[in-house]
Amino acid sequence: MLGVKFLGKEKVDVIEYPDPEPGFREVVVRIKASALCRSDLNIYHDVNLDRKRKMNVIPGHEACGVVDILGDGISENEIKVGDRVAIYLGVGCGYCEYCRKGWYIFCSQRKILGFDINGGHAEFIKIPAENCLKIPEKISFIEGALSTDKFGGLYHAQKTLEVSGKDTVAIFGIGPMGQMAVLMAKALGAKVIAVDVVGSRLEFAEKEGADYIVNGKKKDVIYEINKLTNKVGADIAIDCSGNPIAQSNAIDCIKKEGSVAFIGESKVLQINPSKQFIRKQIKVIGSWYFPVWEYSEIVNLIISKNLNLEKWVTNKFKIEEAKKAYTLFDKYQAGITVFTM
């Protein structure tokens, strides 16, 4: 089979790998769509990853396809050849407290697709049967790929924050994750303020439903959000950028007893606990992904709200075009980007 291979700093190739064979309670999925994620760029740029791990793992953790081969120990009541499935990115031990609750990503022995074990940027992938998330015919393979990390992760965050039609939600960073945050918040009935420093992203967000846009390069973000909310502040803020300035603005822009979710990955943030947290009595959560049992809710929302995730895709590439895809994606010349097989 063909699969993507990182060869070193900003070097990508597509090579022939052995076709995977399933073990006990494993399946082989024929990949139909696999989305790029900015976290892939840690490997692409050779950031804090040892050579062996970087050189030997196929990237990609947002994949969708068709079950092609079943291993032993799987009943057809669970899954069968021909089933259309999205793929849960964390593989757990199956026995610990977190695995039993469907939080495979919290397992102490967890392995993440595309980082620890082979991911979805290939023609086939081998995964445990438990990681198969069935999708109905109404959802395309591309939508299936986007429904996991991007849309599913934002679903869990906004469900946790209880976003609804009564809320004004400020979303910081309108990249691929931020775009899904806008789509999700609007589907839940909220008023959305989209914040970014890239004009084209803001134009896209406005076109797709954001009620207000704020360009942080041109305007004072806190002043603008206060003006839009009659000096009360946003009810909820969601940071998808991981930028410390945006994260701090997300905390500052919300009203007393408001809520903030951090989605974008980052390492350091300097805060003023008294001013930003204590005296406003706000709630701040970190949110990464969703428990496996929540996927049916995610699918039901996409269908019931007639959401078209695929229209947010800006670039589609064949797997053989991986070098071009990553070059454009890295340079922000491509938005939501998907390999299609």
C-alpha atoms as a PDB file:
ATOM      1  CA  MET A   1       0.000   0.000   0.000  1.00  0.00           C
ATOM      2  CA  LEU A   2       1.005   3.645  -0.430  1.00  0.00           C
ATOM      3  CA  GLY A   3       1.519   5.802   2.646  1.00  0.00           C
ATOM      4  CA  VAL A   4       3.025   9.133   3.651  1.00  0.00           C
ATOM      5  CA  LYS A   5       6.486   9.149   5.209  1.00  0.00           C
ATOM      6  CA  PHE A   6       8.304  12.026   6.898  1.00  0.00           C
ATOM      7  CA  LEU A   7      12.005  11.890   6.046  1.00  0.00           C
ATOM      8  CA  GLY A   8      13.282  14.745   8.198  1.00  0.00           C
ATOM      9  CA  LYS A   9      12.761  18.458   8.585  1.00  0.00           C
ATOM     10  CA  GLU A  10      10.075  19.496   6.066  1.00  0.00           C
ATOM     11  CA  LYS A  11      10.754  16.478   3.874  1.00  0.00           C
ATOM     12  CA  VAL A  12       7.826  14.302   2.808  1.00  0.00           C
ATOM     13  CA  ASP A  13       7.597  11.289   0.549  1.00  0.00           C
ATOM     14  CA  VAL A  14       5.029   8.652  -0.388  1.00  0.00           C
ATOM     15  CA  ILE A  15       6.357   5.102  -0.287  1.00  0.00           C
ATOM     16  CA  GLU A  16       5.171   1.517  -0.547  1.00  0.00           C
ATOM     17  CA  TYR A  17       4.426  -0.113   2.825  1.00  0.00           C
ATOM     18  CA  PRO A  18       3.398  -3.737   3.484  1.00  0.00           C
ATOM     19  CA  ASP A  19      -0.362  -4.182   3.550  1.00  0.00           C
ATOM     20  CA  PRO A  20      -1.479  -4.479   7.193  1.00  0.00           C
ATOM     21  CA  GLU A  21      -2.901  -7.738   8.529  1.00  0.00           C
ATOM     22  CA  PRO A  22      -5.350  -7.699  11.449  1.00  0.00           C
ATOM     23  CA  GLY A  23      -4.639  -9.435  14.739  1.00  0.00           C
ATOM     24  CA  PHE A  24      -7.157 -10.547  17.349  1.00  0.00           C
ATOM     25  CA  ARG A  25     -10.067  -8.070  17.515  1.00  0.00           C
ATOM     26  CA  GLU A  26      -8.432  -5.839  14.937  1.00  0.00           C
ATOM     27  CA  VAL A  27      -9.742  -4.673  11.585  1.00  0.00           C
ATOM     28  CA  VAL A  28      -8.174  -3.308   8.432  1.00  0.00           C
ATOM     29  CA  VAL A  29      -9.925  -0.237   7.049  1.00  0.00           C
ATOM     30  CA  ARG A  30      -9.564   0.903   3.443  1.00  0.00           C
ATOM     31  CA  ILE A  31      -9.074   4.661   3.824  1.00  0.00           C
ATOM     32  CA  LYS A  32     -11.315   6.956   1.775  1.00  0.00           C
ATOM     33  CA  ALA A  33     -10.464  10.326   3.356  1.00  0.00           C
ATOM     34  CA  SER A  34      -7.840  11.530   5.827  1.00  0.00           C
ATOM     35  CA  ALA A  35      -7.603  15.139   7.018  1.00  0.00           C
ATOM     36  CA  LEU A  36      -4.415  17.039   7.803  1.00  0.00           C
ATOM     37  CA  CYS A  37      -4.041  18.627  11.242  1.00  0.00           C
ATOM     38  CA  ARG A  38      -1.630  21.297  12.389  1.00  0.00           C
ATOM     39  CA  SER A  39      -0.376  18.958  15.107  1.00  0.00           C
ATOM     40  CA  ASP A  40       1.044  16.841  12.250  1.00  0.00           C
ATOM     41  CA  LEU A  41       3.464  19.695  11.682  1.00  0.00           C
ATOM     42  CA  ASN A  42       5.331  18.842  14.890  1.00  0.00           C
ATOM     43  CA  ILE A  43       6.640  15.809  13.022  1.00  0.00           C
ATOM     44  CA  TYR A  44       6.934  17.679   9.721  1.00  0.00           C
ATOM     45  CA  HIS A  45       9.175  20.273  11.409  1.00  0.00           C
ATOM     46  CA  ASP A  46      11.024  17.666  13.481  1.00  0.00           C
ATOM     47  CA  VAL A  47       9.866  19.193  16.787  1.00  0.00           C
ATOM     48  CA  ASN A  48      10.777  17.219  19.948  1.00  0.00           C
ATOM     49  CA  LEU A  49      10.368  13.825  18.339  1.00  0.00           C
ATOM     50  CA  ASP A  50      13.022  11.138  18.308  1.00  0.00           C
ATOM     51  CA  ARG A  51      14.295   9.937  14.961  1.00  0.00           C
ATOM     52  CA  LYS A  52      12.928   6.387  15.225  1.00  0.00           C
ATOM     53  CA  ARG A  53       9.390   7.549  16.004  1.00  0.00           C
ATOM     54  CA  LYS A  54       9.419  10.204  13.301  1.00  0.00           C
ATOM     55  CA  MET A  55      10.805   7.992  10.582  1.00  0.00           C
ATOM     56  CA  ASN A  56       8.641   4.920  11.113  1.00  0.00           C
ATOM     57  CA  VAL A  57       5.078   6.081  11.766  1.00  0.00           C
ATOM     58  CA  ILE A  58       2.576   6.954   9.040  1.00  0.00           C
ATOM     59  CA  PRO A  59       0.959  10.281  10.041  1.00  0.00           C
ATOM     60  CA  GLY A  60      -2.738  11.129  10.105  1.00  0.00           C
ATOM     61  CA  HIS A  61      -5.273  10.886  12.931  1.00  0.00           C
ATOM     62  CA  GLU A  62      -8.496  12.093  11.240  1.00  0.00           C
ATOM     63  CA  ALA A  63      -9.425   9.267   8.899  1.00  0.00           C
ATOM     64  CA  CYS A  64     -12.504   7.564   7.526  1.00  0.00           C
ATOM     65  CA  GLY A  65     -13.094   4.571   5.265  1.00  0.00           C
ATOM     66  CA  VAL A  66     -14.603   1.127   4.752  1.00  0.00           C
ATOM     67  CA  VAL A  67     -13.906  -1.992   6.798  1.00  0.00           C
ATOM     68  CA  ASP A  68     -11.941  -4.305   4.496  1.00  0.00           C
ATOM     69  CA  ILE A  69     -10.755  -7.249   6.661  1.00  0.00           C
ATOM     70  CA  LEU A  70     -11.856  -8.555  10.060  1.00  0.00           C
ATOM     71  CA  GLY A  71      -9.526 -10.229  12.518  1.00  0.00           C
ATOM     72  CA  ASP A  72     -10.572 -13.063  14.809  1.00  0.00           C
ATOM     73  CA  GLY A  73     -12.784 -12.459  17.816  1.00  0.00           C
ATOM     74  CA  ILE A  74     -15.185  -9.957  16.206  1.00  0.00           C
ATOM     75  CA  SER A  75     -18.885 -10.737  15.800  1.00  0.00           C
ATOM     76  CA  GLU A  76     -20.895  -9.323  12.896  1.00  0.00           C
ATOM     77  CA  ASN A  77     -23.188  -7.727  15.465  1.00  0.00           C
ATOM     78  CA  GLU A  78     -20.279  -5.422  16.284  1.00  0.00           C
ATOM     79  CA  ILE A  79     -18.861  -4.657  12.874  1.00  0.00           C
ATOM     80  CA  LYS A  80     -18.647  -6.282   9.465  1.00  0.00           C
ATOM     81  CA  VAL A  81     -16.798  -5.981   6.160  1.00  0.00           C
ATOM     82  CA  GLY A  82     -18.225  -3.078   4.166  1.00  0.00           C
ATOM     83  CA  ASP A  83     -19.201  -0.948   7.153  1.00  0.00           C
ATOM     84  CA  ARG A  84     -18.437   2.760   6.720  1.00  0.00           C
ATOM     85  CA  VAL A  85     -16.410   3.994   9.701  1.00  0.00           C
ATOM     86  CA  ALA A  86     -14.642   7.010  11.082  1.00  0.00           C
ATOM     87  CA  ILE A  87     -11.697   6.238  13.350  1.00  0.00           C
ATOM     88  CA  TYR A  88     -11.193   7.179  17.007  1.00  0.00           C
ATOM     89  CA  LEU A  89      -7.638   8.478  17.335  1.00  0.00           C
ATOM     90  CA  GLY A  90      -6.621   6.980  20.703  1.00  0.00           C
ATOM     91  CA  VAL A  91      -5.938   3.266  21.180  1.00  0.00           C
ATOM     92  CA  GLY A  92      -6.185   2.226  24.831  1.00  0.00           C
ATOM     93  CA  CYS A  93      -5.563  -0.922  26.865  1.00  0.00           C
ATOM     94  CA  GLY A  94      -9.294  -1.661  27.033  1.00  0.00           C
ATOM     95  CA  TYR A  95      -9.304  -2.476  30.762  1.00  0.00           C
ATOM     96  CA  CYS A  96      -8.413   0.593  32.812  1.00  0.00           C
ATOM     97  CA  GLU A  97     -10.862   3.053  34.360  1.00  0.00           C
ATOM     98  CA  TYR A  98     -10.659   5.472  31.442  1.00  0.00           C
ATOM     99  CA  CYS A  99     -10.985   2.834  28.722  1.00  0.00           C
ATOM    100  CA  ARG A 100     -14.069   1.390  30.450  1.00  0.00           C
ATOM    101  CA  LYS A 101     -15.591   4.888  30.368  1.00  0.00           C
ATOM    102  CA  GLY A 102     -14.809   5.305  26.643  1.00  0.00           C
ATOM    103  CA  TRP A 103     -11.954   7.749  27.193  1.00  0.00           C
ATOM    104  CA  TYR A 104      -9.256   5.770  25.357  1.00  0.00           C
ATOM    105  CA  ILE A 105      -7.160   8.928  24.998  1.00  0.00           C
ATOM    106  CA  PHE A 106      -6.668   9.082  28.783  1.00  0.00           C
ATOM    107  CA  CYS A 107      -5.354   5.513  29.115  1.00  0.00           C
ATOM    108  CA  SER A 108      -1.850   5.436  30.625  1.00  0.00           C
ATOM    109  CA  GLN A 109      -0.872   2.985  27.859  1.00  0.00           C
ATOM    110  CA  ARG A 110      -2.604   4.898  25.108  1.00  0.00           C
ATOM    111  CA  LYS A 111      -1.176   5.164  21.612  1.00  0.00           C
ATOM    112  CA  ILE A 112      -2.208   7.954  19.258  1.00  0.00           C
ATOM    113  CA  LEU A 113      -2.718   7.291  15.563  1.00  0.00           C
ATOM    114  CA  GLY A 114      -0.179   9.076  13.408  1.00  0.00           C
ATOM    115  CA  PHE A 115       2.220   9.649  16.307  1.00  0.00           C
ATOM    116  CA  ASP A 116       2.732   6.376  18.157  1.00  0.00           C
ATOM    117  CA  ILE A 117       1.250   3.919  15.629  1.00  0.00           C
ATOM    118  CA  ASN A 118       0.492   4.103  11.919  1.00  0.00           C
ATOM    119  CA  GLY A 119      -2.181   6.638  11.034  1.00  0.00           C
ATOM    120  CA  GLY A 120      -4.587   7.366   8.219  1.00  0.00           C
ATOM    121  CA  HIS A 121      -2.440   8.997   5.533  1.00  0.00           C
ATOM    122  CA  ALA A 122      -2.262   5.686   3.674  1.00  0.00           C
ATOM    123  CA  GLU A 123      -4.419   3.371   1.601  1.00  0.00           C
ATOM    124  CA  PHE A 124      -5.115   1.082   4.586  1.00  0.00           C
ATOM    125  CA  ILE A 125      -4.940   1.221   8.364  1.00  0.00           C
ATOM    126  CA  LYS A 126      -5.067  -1.471  11.073  1.00  0.00           C
ATOM    127  CA  ILE A 127      -6.997  -0.545  14.230  1.00  0.00           C
ATOM    128  CA  PRO A 128      -8.833  -2.233  17.113  1.00  0.00           C
ATOM    129  CA  ALA A 129     -12.503  -2.936  16.402  1.00  0.00           C
ATOM    130  CA  GLU A 130     -13.377  -0.645  19.332  1.00  0.00           C
ATOM    131  CA  ASN A 131     -11.915   2.319  17.444  1.00  0.00           C
ATOM    132  CA  CYS A 132     -14.368   1.995  14.563  1.00  0.00           C
ATOM    133  CA  LEU A 133     -17.086   4.662  14.671  1.00  0.00           C
ATOM    134  CA  LYS A 134     -19.897   3.718  12.314  1.00  0.00           C
ATOM    135  CA  ILE A 135     -21.189   6.466  10.037  1.00  0.00           C
ATOM    136  CA  PRO A 136     -24.500   6.469   8.134  1.00  0.00           C
ATOM    137  CA  GLU A 137     -24.813   6.823   4.361  1.00  0.00           C
ATOM    138  CA  LYS A 138     -25.947  10.440   4.788  1.00  0.00           C
ATOM    139  CA  ILE A 139     -22.449  11.421   5.910  1.00  0.00           C
ATOM    140  CA  SER A 140     -19.717  11.461   3.262  1.00  0.00           C
ATOM    141  CA  PHE A 141     -16.277  10.004   3.873  1.00  0.00           C
ATOM    142  CA  ILE A 142     -14.780  13.495   3.997  1.00  0.00           C
ATOM    143  CA  GLU A 143     -17.377  14.539   6.561  1.00  0.00           C
ATOM    144  CA  GLY A 144     -16.584  11.372   8.486  1.00  0.00           C
ATOM    145  CA  ALA A 145     -12.919  12.346   8.656  1.00  0.00           C
ATOM    146  CA  LEU A 146     -13.757  15.877   9.802  1.00  0.00           C
ATOM    147  CA  SER A 147     -16.338  14.659  12.318  1.00  0.00           C
ATOM    148  CA  THR A 148     -13.736  13.275  14.728  1.00  0.00           C
ATOM    149  CA  ASP A 149     -10.911  15.579  15.855  1.00  0.00           C
ATOM    150  CA  LYS A 150     -12.121  18.837  14.314  1.00  0.00           C
ATOM    151  CA  PHE A 151     -15.904  18.742  14.707  1.00  0.00           C
ATOM    152  CA  GLY A 152     -16.139  16.082  17.412  1.00  0.00           C
ATOM    153  CA  GLY A 153     -13.586  17.797  19.623  1.00  0.00           C
ATOM    154  CA  LEU A 154     -15.482  21.076  19.371  1.00  0.00           C
ATOM    155  CA  TYR A 155     -18.766  19.297  20.020  1.00  0.00           C
ATOM    156  CA  HIS A 156     -17.510  17.963  23.345  1.00  0.00           C
ATOM    157  CA  ALA A 157     -16.118  21.344  24.393  1.00  0.00           C
ATOM    158  CA  GLN A 158     -19.319  23.225  23.604  1.00  0.00           C
ATOM    159  CA  LYS A 159     -21.491  20.504  25.127  1.00  0.00           C
ATOM    160  CA  THR A 160     -19.441  20.776  28.331  1.00  0.00           C
ATOM    161  CA  LEU A 161     -19.892  24.569  28.340  1.00  0.00           C
ATOM    162  CA  GLU A 162     -23.623  24.140  27.598  1.00  0.00           C
ATOM    163  CA  VAL A 163     -23.570  26.488  24.604  1.00  0.00           C
ATOM    164  CA  SER A 164     -27.083  27.421  23.506  1.00  0.00           C
ATOM    165  CA  GLY A 165     -29.156  30.130  21.834  1.00  0.00           C
ATOM    166  CA  LYS A 166     -28.895  32.370  24.890  1.00  0.00           C
ATOM    167  CA  ASP A 167     -25.115  32.730  24.525  1.00  0.00           C
ATOM    168  CA  THR A 168     -22.715  35.041  22.760  1.00  0.00           C
ATOM    169  CA  VAL A 169     -19.594  32.999  21.988  1.00  0.00           C
ATOM    170  CA  ALA A 170     -16.248  34.589  21.098  1.00  0.00           C
ATOM    171  CA  ILE A 171     -14.061  32.223  19.064  1.00  0.00           C
ATOM    172  CA  PHE A 172     -10.351  32.996  18.793  1.00  0.00           C
ATOM    173  CA  GLY A 173      -8.339  31.551  15.890  1.00  0.00           C
ATOM    174  CA  ILE A 174     -10.393  30.780  12.800  1.00  0.00           C
ATOM    175  CA  GLY A 175      -8.170  28.074  11.371  1.00  0.00           C
ATOM    176  CA  PRO A 176      -9.534  24.565  10.750  1.00  0.00           C
ATOM    177  CA  MET A 177     -10.533  24.028  14.404  1.00  0.00           C
ATOM    178  CA  GLY A 178     -11.922  27.540  14.754  1.00  0.00           C
ATOM    179  CA  GLN A 179     -14.025  27.119  11.635  1.00  0.00           C
ATOM    180  CA  MET A 180     -15.580  24.004  13.132  1.00  0.00           C
ATOM    181  CA  ALA A 181     -16.148  25.962  16.369  1.00  0.00           C
ATOM    182  CA  VAL A 182     -18.098  28.601  14.426  1.00  0.00           C
ATOM    183  CA  LEU A 183     -20.162  25.945  12.667  1.00  0.00           C
ATOM    184  CA  MET A 184     -20.862  24.161  15.960  1.00  0.00           C
ATOM    185  CA  ALA A 185     -21.832  27.294  17.900  1.00  0.00           C
ATOM    186  CA  LYS A 186     -24.205  28.422  15.160  1.00  0.00           C
ATOM    187  CA  ALA A 187     -25.747  24.939  15.020  1.00  0.00           C
ATOM    188  CA  LEU A 188     -26.439  25.257  18.759  1.00  0.00           C
ATOM    189  CA  GLY A 189     -28.102  28.629  18.194  1.00  0.00           C
ATOM    190  CA  ALA A 190     -25.456  30.930  19.682  1.00  0.00           C
ATOM    191  CA  LYS A 191     -24.411  34.379  18.484  1.00  0.00           C
ATOM    192  CA  VAL A 192     -20.787  34.162  17.314  1.00  0.00           C
ATOM    193  CA  ILE A 193     -17.944  36.690  17.389  1.00  0.00           C
ATOM    194  CA  ALA A 194     -15.024  35.402  15.283  1.00  0.00           C
ATOM    195  CA  VAL A 195     -11.567  36.761  16.139  1.00  0.00           C
ATOM    196  CA  ASP A 196      -8.402  36.349  14.071  1.00  0.00           C
ATOM    197  CA  VAL A 197      -5.589  38.382  12.530  1.00  0.00           C
ATOM    198  CA  VAL A 198      -6.017  36.958   9.011  1.00  0.00           C
ATOM    199  CA  GLY A 199      -8.620  38.800   6.969  1.00  0.00           C
ATOM    200  CA  SER A 200      -9.422  35.914   4.615  1.00  0.00           C
ATOM    201  CA  ARG A 201     -10.254  33.636   7.548  1.00  0.00           C
ATOM    202  CA  LEU A 202     -12.596  36.230   9.013  1.00  0.00           C
ATOM    203  CA  GLU A 203     -14.297  36.778   5.663  1.00  0.00           C
ATOM    204  CA  PHE A 204     -14.859  33.043   5.383  1.00  0.00           C
ATOM    205  CA  ALA A 205     -16.253  32.867   8.932  1.00  0.00           C
ATOM    206  CA  GLU A 206     -18.646  35.742   8.231  1.00  0.00           C
ATOM    207  CA  LYS A 207     -19.785  34.136   5.001  1.00  0.00           C
ATOM    208  CA  GLU A 208     -20.494  30.891   6.838  1.00  0.00           C
ATOM    209  CA  GLY A 209     -22.525  32.383   9.675  1.00  0.00           C
ATOM    210  CA  ALA A 210     -20.414  34.337  12.172  1.00  0.00           C
ATOM    211  CA  ASP A 211     -22.473  37.274  13.403  1.00  0.00           C
ATOM    212  CA  TYR A 212     -19.488  39.564  13.971  1.00  0.00           C
ATOM    213  CA  ILE A 213     -15.807  39.496  13.042  1.00  0.00           C
ATOM    214  CA  VAL A 214     -12.906  41.217  14.801  1.00  0.00           C
ATOM    215  CA  ASN A 215      -9.468  41.556  13.251  1.00  0.00           C
ATOM    216  CA  GLY A 216      -7.007  41.602  16.145  1.00  0.00           C
ATOM    217  CA  LYS A 217      -4.326  43.108  13.931  1.00  0.00           C
ATOM    218  CA  LYS A 218      -6.434  46.180  13.250  1.00  0.00           C
ATOM    219  CA  LYS A 219      -8.598  46.622  16.360  1.00  0.00           C
ATOM    220  CA  ASP A 220      -8.523  46.308  20.140  1.00  0.00           C
ATOM    221  CA  VAL A 221     -10.198  42.931  20.635  1.00  0.00           C
ATOM    222  CA  ILE A 222     -11.474  43.475  24.189  1.00  0.00           C
ATOM    223  CA  TYR A 223     -12.843  46.918  23.324  1.00  0.00           C
ATOM    224  CA  GLU A 224     -14.672  45.543  20.270  1.00  0.00           C
ATOM    225  CA  ILE A 225     -16.190  42.608  22.154  1.00  0.00           C
ATOM    226  CA  ASN A 226     -17.318  44.902  24.972  1.00  0.00           C
ATOM    227  CA  LYS A 227     -18.910  47.193  22.406  1.00  0.00           C
ATOM    228  CA  LEU A 228     -20.723  44.277  20.764  1.00  0.00           C
ATOM    229  CA  THR A 229     -22.027  43.000  24.127  1.00  0.00           C
ATOM    230  CA  ASN A 230     -23.107  46.322  25.662  1.00  0.00           C
ATOM    231  CA  LYS A 231     -20.026  46.265  27.915  1.00  0.00           C
ATOM    232  CA  VAL A 232     -21.150  43.001  29.547  1.00  0.00           C
ATOM    233  CA  GLY A 233     -18.695  40.678  27.843  1.00  0.00           C
ATOM    234  CA  ALA A 234     -19.147  37.416  25.981  1.00  0.00           C
ATOM    235  CA  ASP A 235     -20.851  34.541  27.788  1.00  0.00           C
ATOM    236  CA  ILE A 236     -18.327  32.009  26.501  1.00  0.00           C
ATOM    237  CA  ALA A 237     -14.932  32.192  24.806  1.00  0.00           C
ATOM    238  CA  ILE A 238     -13.176  29.394  22.953  1.00  0.00           C
ATOM    239  CA  ASP A 239      -9.526  29.649  21.989  1.00  0.00           C
ATOM    240  CA  CYS A 240      -8.511  27.478  19.042  1.00  0.00           C
ATOM    241  CA  SER A 241      -5.256  29.296  18.303  1.00  0.00           C
ATOM    242  CA  GLY A 242      -2.962  28.333  21.182  1.00  0.00           C
ATOM    243  CA  ASN A 243      -1.566  31.869  20.971  1.00  0.00           C
ATOM    244  CA  PRO A 244      -0.878  33.329  24.470  1.00  0.00           C
ATOM    245  CA  ILE A 245      -2.263  36.746  23.500  1.00  0.00           C
ATOM    246  CA  ALA A 246      -5.482  35.194  22.210  1.00  0.00           C
ATOM    247  CA  GLN A 247      -5.746  32.950  25.272  1.00  0.00           C
ATOM    248  CA  SER A 248      -5.418  35.940  27.588  1.00  0.00           C
ATOM    249  CA  ASN A 249      -7.955  37.883  25.518  1.00  0.00           C
ATOM    250  CA  ALA A 250     -10.336  34.936  25.726  1.00  0.00           C
ATOM    251  CA  ILE A 251     -10.229  35.132  29.529  1.00  0.00           C
ATOM    252  CA  ASP A 252     -10.526  38.925  29.582  1.00  0.00           C
ATOM    253  CA  CYS A 253     -13.414  39.182  27.130  1.00  0.00           C
ATOM    254  CA  ILE A 254     -15.957  37.113  29.032  1.00  0.00           C
ATOM    255  CA  LYS A 255     -18.464  38.384  31.552  1.00  0.00           C
ATOM    256  CA  LYS A 256     -18.564  37.598  35.261  1.00  0.00           C
ATOM    257  CA  GLU A 257     -19.369  33.892  35.773  1.00  0.00           C
ATOM    258  CA  GLY A 258     -18.550  33.266  32.123  1.00  0.00           C
ATOM    259  CA  SER A 259     -16.763  30.232  30.723  1.00  0.00           C
ATOM    260  CA  VAL A 260     -13.647  29.654  28.618  1.00  0.00           C
ATOM    261  CA  ALA A 261     -12.415  26.591  26.737  1.00  0.00           C
ATOM    262  CA  PHE A 262      -8.810  26.170  25.612  1.00  0.00           C
ATOM    263  CA  ILE A 263      -8.593  23.990  22.486  1.00  0.00           C
ATOM    264  CA  GLY A 264      -5.416  25.187  20.767  1.00  0.00           C
ATOM    265  CA  GLU A 265      -2.246  23.484  21.986  1.00  0.00           C
ATOM    266  CA  SER A 266       0.289  25.689  23.797  1.00  0.00           C
ATOM    267  CA  LYS A 267       2.946  25.480  26.496  1.00  0.00           C
ATOM    268  CA  VAL A 268       3.050  28.712  28.495  1.00  0.00           C
ATOM    269  CA  LEU A 269       0.496  31.343  29.492  1.00  0.00           C
ATOM    270  CA  GLN A 270       1.035  34.126  32.017  1.00  0.00           C
ATOM    271  CA  ILE A 271      -2.149  35.009  33.906  1.00  0.00           C
ATOM    272  CA  ASN A 272      -3.338  37.355  36.626  1.00  0.00           C
ATOM    273  CA  PRO A 273      -5.425  35.028  38.826  1.00  0.00           C
ATOM    274  CA  SER A 274      -7.155  37.706  40.891  1.00  0.00           C
ATOM    275  CA  LYS A 275      -8.180  39.937  38.002  1.00  0.00           C
ATOM    276  CA  GLN A 276      -8.792  37.310  35.345  1.00  0.00           C
ATOM    277  CA  PHE A 277     -10.181  34.396  37.379  1.00  0.00           C
ATOM    278  CA  ILE A 278     -11.042  34.933  41.010  1.00  0.00           C
ATOM    279  CA  ARG A 279     -12.920  38.214  40.969  1.00  0.00           C
ATOM    280  CA  LYS A 280     -14.937  37.244  37.919  1.00  0.00           C
ATOM    281  CA  GLN A 281     -15.585  33.706  39.202  1.00  0.00           C
ATOM    282  CA  ILE A 282     -15.161  32.233  35.752  1.00  0.00           C
ATOM    283  CA  LYS A 283     -14.876  28.620  34.647  1.00  0.00           C
ATOM    284  CA  VAL A 284     -11.942  27.575  32.442  1.00  0.00           C
ATOM    285  CA  ILE A 285     -11.673  24.128  30.890  1.00  0.00           C
ATOM    286  CA  GLY A 286      -9.214  22.372  28.654  1.00  0.00           C
ATOM    287  CA  SER A 287     -10.772  20.197  25.968  1.00  0.00           C
ATOM    288  CA  TRP A 288      -9.000  17.795  23.626  1.00  0.00           C
ATOM    289  CA  TYR A 289     -11.356  15.165  22.226  1.00  0.00           C
ATOM    290  CA  PHE A 290     -14.528  13.216  23.074  1.00  0.00           C
ATOM    291  CA  PRO A 291     -15.382   9.862  24.692  1.00  0.00           C
ATOM    292  CA  VAL A 292     -16.094   7.131  22.158  1.00  0.00           C
ATOM    293  CA  TRP A 293     -19.761   6.764  23.191  1.00  0.00           C
ATOM    294  CA  GLU A 294     -20.413  10.436  22.366  1.00  0.00           C
ATOM    295  CA  TYR A 295     -19.885   9.897  18.646  1.00  0.00           C
ATOM    296  CA  SER A 296     -23.536   8.971  18.052  1.00  0.00           C
ATOM    297  CA  GLU A 297     -24.514  12.411  19.392  1.00  0.00           C
ATOM    298  CA  ILE A 298     -22.007  14.055  17.048  1.00  0.00           C
ATOM    299  CA  VAL A 299     -23.402  12.207  14.022  1.00  0.00           C
ATOM    300  CA  ASN A 300     -26.997  12.951  15.037  1.00  0.00           C
ATOM    301  CA  LEU A 301     -26.237  16.673  15.285  1.00  0.00           C
ATOM    302  CA  ILE A 302     -24.620  16.759  11.836  1.00  0.00           C
ATOM    303  CA  ILE A 303     -27.664  15.069  10.306  1.00  0.00           C
ATOM    304  CA  SER A 304     -30.413  16.806  12.303  1.00  0.00           C
ATOM    305  CA  LYS A 305     -28.991  20.279  11.621  1.00  0.00           C
ATOM    306  CA  ASN A 306     -28.220  19.375   7.997  1.00  0.00           C
ATOM    307  CA  LEU A 307     -24.637  20.545   8.463  1.00  0.00           C
ATOM    308  CA  ASN A 308     -22.403  20.280   5.436  1.00  0.00           C
ATOM    309  CA  LEU A 309     -18.908  19.797   6.849  1.00  0.00           C
ATOM    310  CA  GLU A 310     -17.481  19.187   3.411  1.00  0.00           C
ATOM    311  CA  LYS A 311     -18.125  22.752   2.242  1.00  0.00           C
ATOM    312  CA  TRP A 312     -15.487  23.956   4.707  1.00  0.00           C
ATOM    313  CA  VAL A 313     -12.780  21.966   2.897  1.00  0.00           C
ATOM    314  CA  THR A 314     -10.516  24.257   0.877  1.00  0.00           C
ATOM    315  CA  ASN A 315      -8.100  21.702  -0.578  1.00  0.00           C
ATOM    316  CA  LYS A 316      -8.278  18.039  -1.598  1.00  0.00           C
ATOM    317  CA  PHE A 317      -5.226  16.036  -2.613  1.00  0.00           C
ATOM    318  CA  LYS A 318      -4.426  12.517  -3.672  1.00  0.00           C
ATOM    319  CA  ILE A 319      -2.032  10.702  -1.363  1.00  0.00           C
ATOM    320  CA  GLU A 320       0.661  10.939  -4.061  1.00  0.00           C
ATOM    321  CA  GLU A 321       0.535  14.760  -3.669  1.00  0.00           C
ATOM    322  CA  ALA A 322       1.544  14.699   0.003  1.00  0.00           C
ATOM    323  CA  LYS A 323       4.598  16.913  -0.485  1.00  0.00           C
ATOM    324  CA  LYS A 324       2.540  19.663  -2.106  1.00  0.00           C
ATOM    325  CA  ALA A 325      -0.259  19.292   0.433  1.00  0.00           C
ATOM    326  CA  TYR A 326       2.030  19.719   3.438  1.00  0.00           C
ATOM    327  CA  THR A 327       3.935  22.604   1.864  1.00  0.00           C
ATOM    328  CA  LEU A 328       0.740  24.593   1.297  1.00  0.00           C
ATOM    329  CA  PHE A 329      -0.780  23.585   4.636  1.00  0.00           C
ATOM    330  CA  ASP A 330       2.352  24.582   6.530  1.00  0.00           C
ATOM    331  CA  LYS A 331       2.462  28.000   4.868  1.00  0.00           C
ATOM    332  CA  TYR A 332      -1.228  28.699   5.616  1.00  0.00           C
ATOM    333  CA  GLN A 333      -1.963  28.624   1.878  1.00  0.00           C
ATOM    334  CA  ALA A 334      -4.481  25.820   2.459  1.00  0.00           C
ATOM    335  CA  GLY A 335      -7.266  25.733   5.021  1.00  0.00           C
ATOM    336  CA  ILE A 336      -9.026  22.492   5.888  1.00  0.00           C
ATOM    337  CA  THR A 337      -7.117  19.982   3.783  1.00  0.00           C
ATOM    338  CA  VAL A 338      -7.998  16.344   3.081  1.00  0.00           C
ATOM    339  CA  PHE A 339      -6.346  13.424   1.318  1.00  0.00           C
ATOM    340  CA  THR A 340      -8.925  11.491  -0.718  1.00  0.00           C
ATOM    341  CA  MET A 341      -8.252   7.954  -1.847  1.00  0.00           C
END
